[in-house]
N, C-alpha and C. Protein backbone atom coordinates (compact mmCIF):
# COMPACT_ATOMS: atom_id res chain seq x y z
N MET A 1 0.85 -1.18 0.00
CA MET A 1 0.00 0.00 0.00
C MET A 1 0.89 1.24 0.00
N ILE A 2 0.51 2.23 -0.77
CA ILE A 2 1.28 3.47 -0.81
C ILE A 2 0.92 4.36 0.36
N GLN A 3 1.80 5.30 0.64
CA GLN A 3 1.56 6.27 1.71
C GLN A 3 1.45 7.65 1.09
N LYS A 4 0.76 8.55 1.78
CA LYS A 4 0.56 9.90 1.27
C LYS A 4 1.88 10.62 1.04
N LYS A 5 2.89 10.35 1.87
CA LYS A 5 4.17 11.04 1.71
C LYS A 5 4.82 10.69 0.36
N LEU A 6 4.51 9.51 -0.19
CA LEU A 6 5.01 9.18 -1.52
C LEU A 6 4.30 10.03 -2.57
N LEU A 7 2.98 10.17 -2.46
CA LEU A 7 2.25 11.02 -3.41
C LEU A 7 2.75 12.45 -3.35
N ASP A 8 3.13 12.92 -2.17
CA ASP A 8 3.62 14.29 -2.02
C ASP A 8 4.91 14.52 -2.81
N ARG A 9 5.65 13.46 -3.11
CA ARG A 9 6.92 13.58 -3.84
C ARG A 9 6.75 13.49 -5.35
N ILE A 10 5.55 13.16 -5.83
CA ILE A 10 5.31 12.99 -7.26
C ILE A 10 4.72 14.29 -7.82
N PRO A 11 5.42 14.93 -8.78
CA PRO A 11 4.96 16.22 -9.30
C PRO A 11 3.51 16.22 -9.78
N PHE A 12 3.04 15.14 -10.38
CA PHE A 12 1.66 15.07 -10.87
C PHE A 12 0.66 15.37 -9.78
N PHE A 13 0.94 14.95 -8.55
CA PHE A 13 0.02 15.12 -7.43
C PHE A 13 0.26 16.39 -6.62
N LYS A 14 1.23 17.20 -7.02
CA LYS A 14 1.64 18.38 -6.25
C LYS A 14 0.48 19.29 -5.88
N ASP A 15 -0.39 19.59 -6.83
CA ASP A 15 -1.47 20.54 -6.59
C ASP A 15 -2.79 19.89 -6.19
N PHE A 16 -2.80 18.58 -5.99
CA PHE A 16 -4.01 17.91 -5.52
C PHE A 16 -4.30 18.36 -4.09
N PRO A 17 -5.55 18.63 -3.75
CA PRO A 17 -5.89 18.92 -2.35
C PRO A 17 -5.52 17.74 -1.46
N GLU A 18 -5.14 18.04 -0.22
CA GLU A 18 -4.73 16.99 0.72
C GLU A 18 -5.81 15.91 0.85
N GLY A 19 -7.07 16.32 0.89
CA GLY A 19 -8.16 15.35 1.02
C GLY A 19 -8.21 14.37 -0.14
N TYR A 20 -7.91 14.84 -1.35
CA TYR A 20 -7.91 13.95 -2.52
C TYR A 20 -6.80 12.92 -2.38
N LYS A 21 -5.62 13.38 -1.96
CA LYS A 21 -4.50 12.45 -1.80
C LYS A 21 -4.81 11.41 -0.73
N GLU A 22 -5.45 11.84 0.34
CA GLU A 22 -5.82 10.90 1.39
C GLU A 22 -6.82 9.86 0.87
N GLU A 23 -7.77 10.30 0.03
CA GLU A 23 -8.74 9.38 -0.57
C GLU A 23 -8.03 8.37 -1.48
N ILE A 24 -7.08 8.85 -2.26
CA ILE A 24 -6.33 7.95 -3.15
C ILE A 24 -5.64 6.87 -2.33
N VAL A 25 -4.97 7.29 -1.26
CA VAL A 25 -4.26 6.34 -0.41
C VAL A 25 -5.24 5.36 0.24
N GLU A 26 -6.35 5.88 0.73
CA GLU A 26 -7.32 5.04 1.45
C GLU A 26 -7.97 3.99 0.55
N HIS A 27 -8.26 4.36 -0.70
CA HIS A 27 -9.02 3.48 -1.58
C HIS A 27 -8.18 2.78 -2.64
N SER A 28 -6.90 2.97 -2.58
CA SER A 28 -6.03 2.40 -3.60
C SER A 28 -5.43 1.08 -3.13
N ASN A 29 -5.21 0.21 -4.07
CA ASN A 29 -4.44 -0.99 -3.77
C ASN A 29 -3.07 -0.89 -4.43
N ALA A 30 -2.63 0.35 -4.62
CA ALA A 30 -1.36 0.62 -5.28
C ALA A 30 -0.19 0.16 -4.44
N GLU A 31 0.89 -0.13 -5.12
CA GLU A 31 2.11 -0.51 -4.45
C GLU A 31 3.29 0.12 -5.18
N LEU A 32 4.37 0.28 -4.47
CA LEU A 32 5.58 0.83 -5.06
C LEU A 32 6.31 -0.29 -5.79
N LEU A 33 6.58 -0.08 -7.05
CA LEU A 33 7.27 -1.06 -7.87
C LEU A 33 8.55 -0.43 -8.38
N ARG A 34 9.67 -0.98 -8.01
CA ARG A 34 10.96 -0.46 -8.49
C ARG A 34 11.38 -1.27 -9.71
N VAL A 35 11.63 -0.56 -10.81
CA VAL A 35 11.99 -1.20 -12.06
C VAL A 35 13.37 -0.71 -12.46
N PRO A 36 14.28 -1.63 -12.79
CA PRO A 36 15.61 -1.21 -13.23
C PRO A 36 15.53 -0.37 -14.50
N PRO A 37 16.49 0.54 -14.68
CA PRO A 37 16.51 1.36 -15.90
C PRO A 37 16.50 0.47 -17.16
N ASN A 38 15.79 0.94 -18.16
CA ASN A 38 15.68 0.28 -19.47
C ASN A 38 14.94 -1.05 -19.46
N GLN A 39 14.32 -1.40 -18.36
CA GLN A 39 13.50 -2.62 -18.32
C GLN A 39 12.06 -2.22 -18.63
N PRO A 40 11.46 -2.81 -19.66
CA PRO A 40 10.07 -2.45 -20.00
C PRO A 40 9.10 -2.81 -18.87
N ILE A 41 8.11 -1.95 -18.67
CA ILE A 41 7.07 -2.25 -17.69
C ILE A 41 5.80 -2.74 -18.39
N LEU A 42 5.76 -2.60 -19.71
CA LEU A 42 4.66 -3.13 -20.51
C LEU A 42 5.14 -3.26 -21.94
N ASN A 43 4.43 -4.04 -22.69
CA ASN A 43 4.77 -4.26 -24.09
C ASN A 43 3.59 -3.88 -24.97
N GLU A 44 3.89 -3.45 -26.18
CA GLU A 44 2.84 -3.10 -27.12
C GLU A 44 1.88 -4.28 -27.27
N GLY A 45 0.61 -3.99 -27.16
CA GLY A 45 -0.41 -5.02 -27.29
C GLY A 45 -0.88 -5.60 -25.96
N ASP A 46 -0.16 -5.30 -24.87
CA ASP A 46 -0.59 -5.77 -23.55
C ASP A 46 -1.92 -5.14 -23.18
N LEU A 47 -2.75 -5.89 -22.46
CA LEU A 47 -4.00 -5.33 -21.96
C LEU A 47 -3.70 -4.30 -20.88
N GLY A 48 -4.46 -3.21 -20.88
CA GLY A 48 -4.25 -2.14 -19.90
C GLY A 48 -5.06 -2.36 -18.64
N ASP A 49 -4.43 -2.94 -17.63
CA ASP A 49 -5.13 -3.14 -16.36
C ASP A 49 -4.40 -2.49 -15.19
N THR A 50 -3.38 -1.68 -15.51
CA THR A 50 -2.56 -1.06 -14.47
C THR A 50 -2.21 0.36 -14.88
N CYS A 51 -2.07 1.22 -13.90
CA CYS A 51 -1.65 2.60 -14.15
C CYS A 51 -0.28 2.79 -13.51
N TYR A 52 0.68 3.24 -14.30
CA TYR A 52 2.03 3.50 -13.80
C TYR A 52 2.27 4.99 -13.75
N ILE A 53 2.82 5.46 -12.65
CA ILE A 53 3.14 6.89 -12.50
C ILE A 53 4.62 7.01 -12.23
């Protein structure tokens, strides 16, 4: 599960109201995934069932 302090470090979420970020954390099943440089996280034609930020 992600924590709000992680969202605070992501520029996309910078201007989100605090309440929105708290809702995202509360209702998300997101996890932090570390991927080595140049390793693909998806391939052309893969079904879209995940959002990567």
